[in-house]
């Protein structure tokens, strides 16, 4: 996996959250606690221009800190930037879109 110029780390000292997009593995990743733990959002292409945002997972010790929100935003921004359509299989992504009603998101979601 190619490394970005800055490491993608969640650091409890400064609460820095950066999302890495691993296109080869079709996932968005946030490295937690020096990269020993990871939060991930998994997706699959289900057509040439259609993705299924399938699953978001944050380790128990990191839940409730807004980490999944960063994954969801990165995934939805990717869908918009790449002009894709998205199936929202993941309940958390459905919740994120409902709580963050951006017109550009709705244009890219299969209803």
PDB file of N, CA and C in Angstrom:
ATOM      1  N   UNK A   1       0.848  -1.169   0.000  1.00  0.00           N
ATOM      2  CA  UNK A   1       0.000   0.000   0.000  1.00  0.00           C
ATOM      3  C   UNK A   1       0.894   1.232   0.000  1.00  0.00           C
ATOM      4  N   UNK A   2       0.628   2.160  -0.859  1.00  0.00           N
ATOM      5  CA  UNK A   2       1.433   3.380  -0.949  1.00  0.00           C
ATOM      6  C   UNK A   2       1.152   4.262   0.262  1.00  0.00           C
ATOM      7  N   UNK A   3       2.181   4.836   0.793  1.00  0.00           N
ATOM      8  CA  UNK A   3       2.039   5.708   1.949  1.00  0.00           C
ATOM      9  C   UNK A   3       1.927   7.154   1.491  1.00  0.00           C
ATOM     10  N   UNK A   4       1.063   7.878   2.138  1.00  0.00           N
ATOM     11  CA  UNK A   4       0.922   9.302   1.856  1.00  0.00           C
ATOM     12  C   UNK A   4       2.087  10.046   2.488  1.00  0.00           C
ATOM     13  N   UNK A   5       2.239  11.306   2.131  1.00  0.00           N
ATOM     14  CA  UNK A   5       3.332  12.117   2.669  1.00  0.00           C
ATOM     15  C   UNK A   5       3.240  12.204   4.187  1.00  0.00           C
ATOM     16  N   UNK A   6       2.014  12.345   4.702  1.00  0.00           N
ATOM     17  CA  UNK A   6       1.817  12.356   6.141  1.00  0.00           C
ATOM     18  C   UNK A   6       1.167  11.043   6.546  1.00  0.00           C
ATOM     19  N   UNK A   7       1.552  10.477   7.674  1.00  0.00           N
ATOM     20  CA  UNK A   7       0.917   9.237   8.099  1.00  0.00           C
ATOM     21  C   UNK A   7      -0.545   9.488   8.443  1.00  0.00           C
ATOM     22  N   UNK A   8      -1.363   8.469   8.227  1.00  0.00           N
ATOM     23  CA  UNK A   8      -2.783   8.565   8.543  1.00  0.00           C
ATOM     24  C   UNK A   8      -2.982   7.987   9.927  1.00  0.00           C
ATOM     25  N   UNK A   9      -3.104   8.870  10.905  1.00  0.00           N
ATOM     26  CA  UNK A   9      -3.049   8.446  12.292  1.00  0.00           C
ATOM     27  C   UNK A   9      -4.148   9.128  13.103  1.00  0.00           C
ATOM     28  N   UNK A  10      -4.715   8.382  14.026  1.00  0.00           N
ATOM     29  CA  UNK A  10      -5.551   8.983  15.054  1.00  0.00           C
ATOM     30  C   UNK A  10      -4.681   9.030  16.299  1.00  0.00           C
ATOM     31  N   UNK A  11      -4.388  10.206  16.758  1.00  0.00           N
ATOM     32  CA  UNK A  11      -3.516  10.382  17.914  1.00  0.00           C
ATOM     33  C   UNK A  11      -4.331  11.031  19.032  1.00  0.00           C
ATOM     34  N   UNK A  12      -4.449  10.336  20.147  1.00  0.00           N
ATOM     35  CA  UNK A  12      -5.264  10.846  21.254  1.00  0.00           C
ATOM     36  C   UNK A  12      -4.775  12.198  21.755  1.00  0.00           C
ATOM     37  N   UNK A  13      -3.504  12.508  21.525  1.00  0.00           N
ATOM     38  CA  UNK A  13      -2.964  13.772  22.022  1.00  0.00           C
ATOM     39  C   UNK A  13      -3.462  14.970  21.225  1.00  0.00           C
ATOM     40  N   UNK A  14      -3.588  14.819  19.912  1.00  0.00           N
ATOM     41  CA  UNK A  14      -4.043  15.968  19.127  1.00  0.00           C
ATOM     42  C   UNK A  14      -5.295  15.672  18.311  1.00  0.00           C
ATOM     43  N   UNK A  15      -5.852  14.462  18.464  1.00  0.00           N
ATOM     44  CA  UNK A  15      -7.100  14.060  17.809  1.00  0.00           C
ATOM     45  C   UNK A  15      -7.066  14.257  16.291  1.00  0.00           C
ATOM     46  N   UNK A  16      -5.919  14.074  15.694  1.00  0.00           N
ATOM     47  CA  UNK A  16      -5.786  14.202  14.250  1.00  0.00           C
ATOM     48  C   UNK A  16      -6.375  12.957  13.593  1.00  0.00           C
ATOM     49  N   UNK A  17      -7.277  13.166  12.649  1.00  0.00           N
ATOM     50  CA  UNK A  17      -7.883  12.048  11.940  1.00  0.00           C
ATOM     51  C   UNK A  17      -7.696  12.270  10.453  1.00  0.00           C
ATOM     52  N   UNK A  18      -7.021  11.334   9.809  1.00  0.00           N
ATOM     53  CA  UNK A  18      -6.817  11.397   8.366  1.00  0.00           C
ATOM     54  C   UNK A  18      -7.275  10.085   7.766  1.00  0.00           C
ATOM     55  N   UNK A  19      -7.961  10.180   6.642  1.00  0.00           N
ATOM     56  CA  UNK A  19      -8.493   9.004   5.979  1.00  0.00           C
ATOM     57  C   UNK A  19      -7.634   8.682   4.763  1.00  0.00           C
ATOM     58  N   UNK A  20      -7.257   7.433   4.654  1.00  0.00           N
ATOM     59  CA  UNK A  20      -6.500   6.927   3.511  1.00  0.00           C
ATOM     60  C   UNK A  20      -7.455   6.120   2.631  1.00  0.00           C
ATOM     61  N   UNK A  21      -7.389   6.351   1.330  1.00  0.00           N
ATOM     62  CA  UNK A  21      -8.220   5.587   0.391  1.00  0.00           C
ATOM     63  C   UNK A  21      -7.338   4.562  -0.304  1.00  0.00           C
ATOM     64  N   UNK A  22      -7.570   3.300  -0.001  1.00  0.00           N
ATOM     65  CA  UNK A  22      -6.846   2.194  -0.630  1.00  0.00           C
ATOM     66  C   UNK A  22      -7.724   1.667  -1.764  1.00  0.00           C
ATOM     67  N   UNK A  23      -7.517   2.210  -2.959  1.00  0.00           N
ATOM     68  CA  UNK A  23      -8.360   1.849  -4.103  1.00  0.00           C
ATOM     69  C   UNK A  23      -8.195   0.385  -4.494  1.00  0.00           C
ATOM     70  N   UNK A  24      -7.002  -0.143  -4.341  1.00  0.00           N
ATOM     71  CA  UNK A  24      -6.760  -1.531  -4.713  1.00  0.00           C
ATOM     72  C   UNK A  24      -7.594  -2.482  -3.849  1.00  0.00           C
ATOM     73  N   UNK A  25      -7.654  -2.201  -2.556  1.00  0.00           N
ATOM     74  CA  UNK A  25      -8.422  -3.048  -1.631  1.00  0.00           C
ATOM     75  C   UNK A  25      -9.867  -2.578  -1.468  1.00  0.00           C
ATOM     76  N   UNK A  26     -10.203  -1.483  -2.130  1.00  0.00           N
ATOM     77  CA  UNK A  26     -11.545  -0.900  -2.074  1.00  0.00           C
ATOM     78  C   UNK A  26     -11.985  -0.645  -0.632  1.00  0.00           C
ATOM     79  N   UNK A  27     -11.184   0.198   0.011  1.00  0.00           N
ATOM     80  CA  UNK A  27     -11.519   0.550   1.383  1.00  0.00           C
ATOM     81  C   UNK A  27     -10.954   1.913   1.760  1.00  0.00           C
ATOM     82  N   UNK A  28     -11.614   2.530   2.706  1.00  0.00           N
ATOM     83  CA  UNK A  28     -11.129   3.750   3.323  1.00  0.00           C
ATOM     84  C   UNK A  28     -10.642   3.338   4.710  1.00  0.00           C
ATOM     85  N   UNK A  29      -9.490   3.862   5.113  1.00  0.00           N
ATOM     86  CA  UNK A  29      -8.859   3.421   6.351  1.00  0.00           C
ATOM     87  C   UNK A  29      -8.416   4.619   7.187  1.00  0.00           C
ATOM     88  N   UNK A  30      -8.615   4.508   8.483  1.00  0.00           N
ATOM     89  CA  UNK A  30      -8.028   5.438   9.440  1.00  0.00           C
ATOM     90  C   UNK A  30      -7.161   4.586  10.359  1.00  0.00           C
ATOM     91  N   UNK A  31      -5.885   4.913  10.390  1.00  0.00           N
ATOM     92  CA  UNK A  31      -4.967   4.196  11.280  1.00  0.00           C
ATOM     93  C   UNK A  31      -5.098   4.800  12.675  1.00  0.00           C
ATOM     94  N   UNK A  32      -5.259   3.928  13.639  1.00  0.00           N
ATOM     95  CA  UNK A  32      -5.499   4.338  15.013  1.00  0.00           C
ATOM     96  C   UNK A  32      -4.320   3.921  15.882  1.00  0.00           C
ATOM     97  N   UNK A  33      -3.943   4.754  16.814  1.00  0.00           N
ATOM     98  CA  UNK A  33      -2.933   4.382  17.805  1.00  0.00           C
ATOM     99  C   UNK A  33      -1.643   3.879  17.154  1.00  0.00           C
ATOM    100  N   UNK A  34      -1.067   4.694  16.280  1.00  0.00           N
ATOM    101  CA  UNK A  34       0.190   4.321  15.655  1.00  0.00           C
ATOM    102  C   UNK A  34       0.063   3.178  14.666  1.00  0.00           C
ATOM    103  N   UNK A  35      -1.072   2.993  14.072  1.00  0.00           N
ATOM    104  CA  UNK A  35      -1.391   2.030  13.017  1.00  0.00           C
ATOM    105  C   UNK A  35      -1.568   0.596  13.500  1.00  0.00           C
ATOM    106  N   UNK A  36      -1.563   0.346  14.801  1.00  0.00           N
ATOM    107  CA  UNK A  36      -1.830  -1.011  15.285  1.00  0.00           C
ATOM    108  C   UNK A  36      -3.295  -1.369  15.103  1.00  0.00           C
ATOM    109  N   UNK A  37      -4.172  -0.421  15.260  1.00  0.00           N
ATOM    110  CA  UNK A  37      -5.610  -0.624  15.052  1.00  0.00           C
ATOM    111  C   UNK A  37      -6.043   0.188  13.841  1.00  0.00           C
ATOM    112  N   UNK A  38      -7.136  -0.253  13.228  1.00  0.00           N
ATOM    113  CA  UNK A  38      -7.632   0.451  12.048  1.00  0.00           C
ATOM    114  C   UNK A  38      -9.161   0.517  12.078  1.00  0.00           C
ATOM    115  N   UNK A  39      -9.676   1.625  11.611  1.00  0.00           N
ATOM    116  CA  UNK A  39     -11.099   1.748  11.318  1.00  0.00           C
ATOM    117  C   UNK A  39     -11.213   1.681   9.802  1.00  0.00           C
ATOM    118  N   UNK A  40     -12.209   0.978   9.293  1.00  0.00           N
ATOM    119  CA  UNK A  40     -12.323   0.800   7.851  1.00  0.00           C
ATOM    120  C   UNK A  40     -13.761   0.973   7.370  1.00  0.00           C
ATOM    121  N   UNK A  41     -13.858   1.390   6.127  1.00  0.00           N
ATOM    122  CA  UNK A  41     -15.125   1.398   5.402  1.00  0.00           C
ATOM    123  C   UNK A  41     -14.855   0.625   4.113  1.00  0.00           C
ATOM    124  N   UNK A  42     -15.610  -0.429   3.896  1.00  0.00           N
ATOM    125  CA  UNK A  42     -15.416  -1.296   2.739  1.00  0.00           C
ATOM    126  C   UNK A  42     -16.458  -1.004   1.670  1.00  0.00           C
ATOM    127  N   UNK A  43     -16.024  -1.072   0.409  1.00  0.00           N
ATOM    128  CA  UNK A  43     -16.961  -0.910  -0.706  1.00  0.00           C
ATOM    129  C   UNK A  43     -16.571  -1.842  -1.832  1.00  0.00           C
ATOM    130  N   UNK A  44     -17.510  -2.067  -2.733  1.00  0.00           N
ATOM    131  CA  UNK A  44     -17.278  -2.885  -3.925  1.00  0.00           C
ATOM    132  C   UNK A  44     -17.911  -2.186  -5.113  1.00  0.00           C
ATOM    133  N   UNK A  45     -17.294  -2.355  -6.269  1.00  0.00           N
ATOM    134  CA  UNK A  45     -17.938  -1.918  -7.502  1.00  0.00           C
ATOM    135  C   UNK A  45     -18.962  -2.971  -7.882  1.00  0.00           C
ATOM    136  N   UNK A  46     -20.188  -2.537  -8.162  1.00  0.00           N
ATOM    137  CA  UNK A  46     -21.246  -3.456  -8.581  1.00  0.00           C
ATOM    138  C   UNK A  46     -21.692  -3.135 -10.006  1.00  0.00           C
ATOM    139  N   UNK A  47     -20.969  -2.266 -10.644  1.00  0.00           N
ATOM    140  CA  UNK A  47     -21.191  -1.855 -12.030  1.00  0.00           C
ATOM    141  C   UNK A  47     -20.045  -0.939 -12.406  1.00  0.00           C
ATOM    142  N   UNK A  48     -20.022  -0.548 -13.653  1.00  0.00           N
ATOM    143  CA  UNK A  48     -18.910   0.290 -14.120  1.00  0.00           C
ATOM    144  C   UNK A  48     -18.820   1.609 -13.356  1.00  0.00           C
ATOM    145  N   UNK A  49     -19.960   2.202 -13.057  1.00  0.00           N
ATOM    146  CA  UNK A  49     -19.990   3.499 -12.367  1.00  0.00           C
ATOM    147  C   UNK A  49     -20.850   3.435 -11.093  1.00  0.00           C
ATOM    148  N   UNK A  50     -20.918   2.242 -10.490  1.00  0.00           N
ATOM    149  CA  UNK A  50     -21.751   2.066  -9.303  1.00  0.00           C
ATOM    150  C   UNK A  50     -20.962   1.345  -8.214  1.00  0.00           C
ATOM    151  N   UNK A  51     -21.012   1.895  -7.006  1.00  0.00           N
ATOM    152  CA  UNK A  51     -20.368   1.257  -5.871  1.00  0.00           C
ATOM    153  C   UNK A  51     -21.407   0.932  -4.808  1.00  0.00           C
ATOM    154  N   UNK A  52     -21.099  -0.097  -4.041  1.00  0.00           N
ATOM    155  CA  UNK A  52     -21.910  -0.466  -2.893  1.00  0.00           C
ATOM    156  C   UNK A  52     -21.074  -0.185  -1.655  1.00  0.00           C
ATOM    157  N   UNK A  53     -21.488   0.798  -0.866  1.00  0.00           N
ATOM    158  CA  UNK A  53     -20.798   1.119   0.390  1.00  0.00           C
ATOM    159  C   UNK A  53     -21.331   0.125   1.415  1.00  0.00           C
ATOM    160  N   UNK A  54     -20.515  -0.891   1.699  1.00  0.00           N
ATOM    161  CA  UNK A  54     -21.003  -2.086   2.364  1.00  0.00           C
ATOM    162  C   UNK A  54     -20.917  -2.104   3.878  1.00  0.00           C
ATOM    163  N   UNK A  55     -19.801  -1.653   4.425  1.00  0.00           N
ATOM    164  CA  UNK A  55     -19.588  -1.904   5.851  1.00  0.00           C
ATOM    165  C   UNK A  55     -18.595  -0.901   6.433  1.00  0.00           C
ATOM    166  N   UNK A  56     -18.913  -0.419   7.619  1.00  0.00           N
ATOM    167  CA  UNK A  56     -18.011   0.456   8.358  1.00  0.00           C
ATOM    168  C   UNK A  56     -17.718  -0.221   9.686  1.00  0.00           C
ATOM    169  N   UNK A  57     -16.434  -0.231  10.048  1.00  0.00           N
ATOM    170  CA  UNK A  57     -16.064  -0.878  11.306  1.00  0.00           C
ATOM    171  C   UNK A  57     -15.027  -0.038  12.050  1.00  0.00           C
ATOM    172  N   UNK A  58     -15.356   0.253  13.309  1.00  0.00           N
ATOM    173  CA  UNK A  58     -14.441   0.976  14.198  1.00  0.00           C
ATOM    174  C   UNK A  58     -14.244   0.089  15.425  1.00  0.00           C
ATOM    175  N   UNK A  59     -12.988  -0.163  15.814  1.00  0.00           N
ATOM    176  CA  UNK A  59     -12.757  -0.983  17.007  1.00  0.00           C
ATOM    177  C   UNK A  59     -13.492  -0.420  18.227  1.00  0.00           C
ATOM    178  N   UNK A  60     -13.968  -1.316  19.073  1.00  0.00           N
ATOM    179  CA  UNK A  60     -14.755  -0.918  20.247  1.00  0.00           C
ATOM    180  C   UNK A  60     -14.117   0.206  21.049  1.00  0.00           C
ATOM    181  N   UNK A  61     -12.823   0.141  21.249  1.00  0.00           N
ATOM    182  CA  UNK A  61     -12.124   1.126  22.088  1.00  0.00           C
ATOM    183  C   UNK A  61     -12.164   2.539  21.496  1.00  0.00           C
ATOM    184  N   UNK A  62     -12.497   2.666  20.220  1.00  0.00           N
ATOM    185  CA  UNK A  62     -12.480   3.974  19.552  1.00  0.00           C
ATOM    186  C   UNK A  62     -13.868   4.469  19.168  1.00  0.00           C
ATOM    187  N   UNK A  63     -14.888   3.716  19.504  1.00  0.00           N
ATOM    188  CA  UNK A  63     -16.254   4.114  19.130  1.00  0.00           C
ATOM    189  C   UNK A  63     -16.692   5.335  19.921  1.00  0.00           C
ATOM    190  N   UNK A  64     -17.602   6.091  19.312  1.00  0.00           N
ATOM    191  CA  UNK A  64     -18.135   7.276  19.971  1.00  0.00           C
ATOM    192  C   UNK A  64     -17.257   8.508  19.867  1.00  0.00           C
ATOM    193  N   UNK A  65     -16.234   8.446  19.031  1.00  0.00           N
ATOM    194  CA  UNK A  65     -15.312   9.584  18.875  1.00  0.00           C
ATOM    195  C   UNK A  65     -15.451  10.270  17.513  1.00  0.00           C
ATOM    196  N   UNK A  66     -16.427   9.880  16.723  1.00  0.00           N
ATOM    197  CA  UNK A  66     -16.630  10.511  15.422  1.00  0.00           C
ATOM    198  C   UNK A  66     -15.749   9.964  14.313  1.00  0.00           C
ATOM    199  N   UNK A  67     -15.105   8.842  14.555  1.00  0.00           N
ATOM    200  CA  UNK A  67     -14.191   8.285  13.561  1.00  0.00           C
ATOM    201  C   UNK A  67     -14.947   7.782  12.333  1.00  0.00           C
ATOM    202  N   UNK A  68     -16.044   7.079  12.544  1.00  0.00           N
ATOM    203  CA  UNK A  68     -16.824   6.554  11.416  1.00  0.00           C
ATOM    204  C   UNK A  68     -17.352   7.682  10.530  1.00  0.00           C
ATOM    205  N   UNK A  69     -17.625   8.826  11.135  1.00  0.00           N
ATOM    206  CA  UNK A  69     -18.105   9.985  10.379  1.00  0.00           C
ATOM    207  C   UNK A  69     -17.069  10.423   9.342  1.00  0.00           C
ATOM    208  N   UNK A  70     -15.802  10.372   9.708  1.00  0.00           N
ATOM    209  CA  UNK A  70     -14.739  10.739   8.768  1.00  0.00           C
ATOM    210  C   UNK A  70     -14.661   9.741   7.612  1.00  0.00           C
ATOM    211  N   UNK A  71     -14.843   8.468   7.916  1.00  0.00           N
ATOM    212  CA  UNK A  71     -14.855   7.448   6.864  1.00  0.00           C
ATOM    213  C   UNK A  71     -16.034   7.660   5.924  1.00  0.00           C
ATOM    214  N   UNK A  72     -17.201   7.910   6.496  1.00  0.00           N
ATOM    215  CA  UNK A  72     -18.404   8.110   5.687  1.00  0.00           C
ATOM    216  C   UNK A  72     -18.273   9.331   4.784  1.00  0.00           C
ATOM    217  N   UNK A  73     -17.744  10.421   5.329  1.00  0.00           N
ATOM    218  CA  UNK A  73     -17.559  11.632   4.520  1.00  0.00           C
ATOM    219  C   UNK A  73     -16.593  11.364   3.376  1.00  0.00           C
ATOM    220  N   UNK A  74     -15.485  10.698   3.656  1.00  0.00           N
ATOM    221  CA  UNK A  74     -14.500  10.394   2.612  1.00  0.00           C
ATOM    222  C   UNK A  74     -15.127   9.533   1.514  1.00  0.00           C
ATOM    223  N   UNK A  75     -15.915   8.546   1.908  1.00  0.00           N
ATOM    224  CA  UNK A  75     -16.549   7.666   0.922  1.00  0.00           C
ATOM    225  C   UNK A  75     -17.556   8.426   0.069  1.00  0.00           C
ATOM    226  N   UNK A  76     -18.376   9.242   0.696  1.00  0.00           N
ATOM    227  CA  UNK A  76     -19.378   9.993  -0.069  1.00  0.00           C
ATOM    228  C   UNK A  76     -18.711  11.044  -0.955  1.00  0.00           C
ATOM    229  N   UNK A  77     -17.658  11.676  -0.472  1.00  0.00           N
ATOM    230  CA  UNK A  77     -16.928  12.637  -1.303  1.00  0.00           C
ATOM    231  C   UNK A  77     -16.303  11.932  -2.511  1.00  0.00           C
ATOM    232  N   UNK A  78     -15.799  10.735  -2.324  1.00  0.00           N
ATOM    233  CA  UNK A  78     -15.249   9.928  -3.422  1.00  0.00           C
ATOM    234  C   UNK A  78     -16.335   9.639  -4.460  1.00  0.00           C
ATOM    235  N   UNK A  79     -17.503   9.247  -4.010  1.00  0.00           N
ATOM    236  CA  UNK A  79     -18.619   8.952  -4.922  1.00  0.00           C
ATOM    237  C   UNK A  79     -18.946  10.185  -5.764  1.00  0.00           C
ATOM    238  N   UNK A  80     -19.003  11.335  -5.118  1.00  0.00           N
ATOM    239  CA  UNK A  80     -19.313  12.585  -5.824  1.00  0.00           C
ATOM    240  C   UNK A  80     -18.191  12.960  -6.790  1.00  0.00           C
ATOM    241  N   UNK A  81     -16.950  12.940  -6.309  1.00  0.00           N
ATOM    242  CA  UNK A  81     -15.805  13.342  -7.142  1.00  0.00           C
ATOM    243  C   UNK A  81     -15.636  12.463  -8.372  1.00  0.00           C
ATOM    244  N   UNK A  82     -15.915  11.167  -8.227  1.00  0.00           N
ATOM    245  CA  UNK A  82     -15.764  10.226  -9.343  1.00  0.00           C
ATOM    246  C   UNK A  82     -17.034  10.101 -10.169  1.00  0.00           C
ATOM    247  N   UNK A  83     -18.069  10.868  -9.807  1.00  0.00           N
ATOM    248  CA  UNK A  83     -19.367  10.841 -10.486  1.00  0.00           C
ATOM    249  C   UNK A  83     -19.925   9.418 -10.574  1.00  0.00           C
ATOM    250  N   UNK A  84     -19.939   8.755  -9.413  1.00  0.00           N
ATOM    251  CA  UNK A  84     -20.458   7.403  -9.309  1.00  0.00           C
ATOM    252  C   UNK A  84     -21.862   7.427  -8.721  1.00  0.00           C
ATOM    253  N   UNK A  85     -22.526   6.290  -8.804  1.00  0.00           N
ATOM    254  CA  UNK A  85     -23.779   6.071  -8.081  1.00  0.00           C
ATOM    255  C   UNK A  85     -23.452   5.137  -6.932  1.00  0.00           C
ATOM    256  N   UNK A  86     -24.154   5.288  -5.817  1.00  0.00           N
ATOM    257  CA  UNK A  86     -23.858   4.477  -4.640  1.00  0.00           C
ATOM    258  C   UNK A  86     -25.098   3.789  -4.099  1.00  0.00           C
ATOM    259  N   UNK A  87     -24.925   2.521  -3.783  1.00  0.00           N
ATOM    260  CA  UNK A  87     -25.887   1.784  -2.963  1.00  0.00           C
ATOM    261  C   UNK A  87     -25.378   1.916  -1.538  1.00  0.00           C
ATOM    262  N   UNK A  88     -26.267   2.226  -0.609  1.00  0.00           N
ATOM    263  CA  UNK A  88     -25.855   2.406   0.785  1.00  0.00           C
ATOM    264  C   UNK A  88     -26.283   1.191   1.598  1.00  0.00           C
ATOM    265  N   UNK A  89     -25.536   0.117   1.490  1.00  0.00           N
ATOM    266  CA  UNK A  89     -25.839  -1.093   2.244  1.00  0.00           C
ATOM    267  C   UNK A  89     -25.536  -0.893   3.725  1.00  0.00           C
ATOM    268  N   UNK A  90     -24.477  -0.185   4.022  1.00  0.00           N
ATOM    269  CA  UNK A  90     -24.051   0.049   5.404  1.00  0.00           C
ATOM    270  C   UNK A  90     -25.037   0.973   6.127  1.00  0.00           C
ATOM    271  N   UNK A  91     -25.530   0.523   7.272  1.00  0.00           N
ATOM    272  CA  UNK A  91     -26.486   1.330   8.034  1.00  0.00           C
ATOM    273  C   UNK A  91     -25.861   2.649   8.490  1.00  0.00           C
ATOM    274  N   UNK A  92     -24.563   2.635   8.788  1.00  0.00           N
ATOM    275  CA  UNK A  92     -23.943   3.864   9.276  1.00  0.00           C
ATOM    276  C   UNK A  92     -23.879   4.913   8.167  1.00  0.00           C
ATOM    277  N   UNK A  93     -23.582   4.505   6.948  1.00  0.00           N
ATOM    278  CA  UNK A  93     -23.546   5.464   5.826  1.00  0.00           C
ATOM    279  C   UNK A  93     -24.947   6.042   5.610  1.00  0.00           C
ATOM    280  N   UNK A  94     -25.964   5.203   5.718  1.00  0.00           N
ATOM    281  CA  UNK A  94     -27.345   5.688   5.597  1.00  0.00           C
ATOM    282  C   UNK A  94     -27.618   6.759   6.650  1.00  0.00           C
ATOM    283  N   UNK A  95     -27.187   6.493   7.879  1.00  0.00           N
ATOM    284  CA  UNK A  95     -27.362   7.445   8.981  1.00  0.00           C
ATOM    285  C   UNK A  95     -26.583   8.732   8.706  1.00  0.00           C
ATOM    286  N   UNK A  96     -25.341   8.597   8.246  1.00  0.00           N
ATOM    287  CA  UNK A  96     -24.500   9.766   7.969  1.00  0.00           C
ATOM    288  C   UNK A  96     -25.158  10.672   6.928  1.00  0.00           C
ATOM    289  N   UNK A  97     -25.646  10.087   5.840  1.00  0.00           N
ATOM    290  CA  UNK A  97     -26.263  10.881   4.771  1.00  0.00           C
ATOM    291  C   UNK A  97     -27.531  11.568   5.277  1.00  0.00           C
ATOM    292  N   UNK A  98     -28.297  10.865   6.103  1.00  0.00           N
ATOM    293  CA  UNK A  98     -29.518  11.452   6.660  1.00  0.00           C
ATOM    294  C   UNK A  98     -29.187  12.632   7.577  1.00  0.00           C
ATOM    295  N   UNK A  99     -28.115  12.496   8.361  1.00  0.00           N
ATOM    296  CA  UNK A  99     -27.729  13.552   9.299  1.00  0.00           C
ATOM    297  C   UNK A  99     -26.930  14.670   8.644  1.00  0.00           C
ATOM    298  N   UNK A 100     -26.423  14.441   7.450  1.00  0.00           N
ATOM    299  CA  UNK A 100     -25.625  15.430   6.708  1.00  0.00           C
ATOM    300  C   UNK A 100     -26.204  15.553   5.298  1.00  0.00           C
ATOM    301  N   UNK A 101     -27.401  16.135   5.191  1.00  0.00           N
ATOM    302  CA  UNK A 101     -28.119  16.151   3.907  1.00  0.00           C
ATOM    303  C   UNK A 101     -27.497  17.109   2.884  1.00  0.00           C
ATOM    304  N   UNK A 102     -26.516  16.614   2.172  1.00  0.00           N
ATOM    305  CA  UNK A 102     -25.860  17.397   1.129  1.00  0.00           C
ATOM    306  C   UNK A 102     -26.503  17.079  -0.218  1.00  0.00           C
ATOM    307  N   UNK A 103     -26.944  18.094  -0.962  1.00  0.00           N
ATOM    308  CA  UNK A 103     -27.580  17.827  -2.265  1.00  0.00           C
ATOM    309  C   UNK A 103     -26.698  16.992  -3.191  1.00  0.00           C
ATOM    310  N   UNK A 104     -25.389  17.225  -3.166  1.00  0.00           N
ATOM    311  CA  UNK A 104     -24.503  16.476  -4.047  1.00  0.00           C
ATOM    312  C   UNK A 104     -24.489  14.988  -3.678  1.00  0.00           C
ATOM    313  N   UNK A 105     -24.724  14.660  -2.416  1.00  0.00           N
ATOM    314  CA  UNK A 105     -24.793  13.256  -2.024  1.00  0.00           C
ATOM    315  C   UNK A 105     -26.048  12.602  -2.595  1.00  0.00           C
ATOM    316  N   UNK A 106     -27.197  13.270  -2.418  1.00  0.00           N
ATOM    317  CA  UNK A 106     -28.459  12.685  -2.850  1.00  0.00           C
ATOM    318  C   UNK A 106     -28.491  12.410  -4.347  1.00  0.00           C
ATOM    319  N   UNK A 107     -27.806  13.243  -5.114  1.00  0.00           N
ATOM    320  CA  UNK A 107     -27.755  13.051  -6.571  1.00  0.00           C
ATOM    321  C   UNK A 107     -27.027  11.775  -6.952  1.00  0.00           C
ATOM    322  N   UNK A 108     -26.236  11.225  -6.056  1.00  0.00           N
ATOM    323  CA  UNK A 108     -25.403  10.067  -6.364  1.00  0.00           C
ATOM    324  C   UNK A 108     -25.819   8.787  -5.645  1.00  0.00           C
ATOM    325  N   UNK A 109     -26.985   8.817  -5.010  1.00  0.00           N
ATOM    326  CA  UNK A 109     -27.455   7.656  -4.259  1.00  0.00           C
ATOM    327  C   UNK A 109     -28.624   6.991  -4.987  1.00  0.00           C
ATOM    328  N   UNK A 110     -28.535   5.680  -5.112  1.00  0.00           N
ATOM    329  CA  UNK A 110     -29.687   4.923  -5.606  1.00  0.00           C
ATOM    330  C   UNK A 110     -30.720   4.912  -4.516  1.00  0.00           C
ATOM    331  N   UNK A 111     -31.927   5.342  -4.855  1.00  0.00           N
ATOM    332  CA  UNK A 111     -33.019   5.371  -3.862  1.00  0.00           C
ATOM    333  C   UNK A 111     -33.826   4.091  -3.904  1.00  0.00           C
TER     334      UNK A 111
END
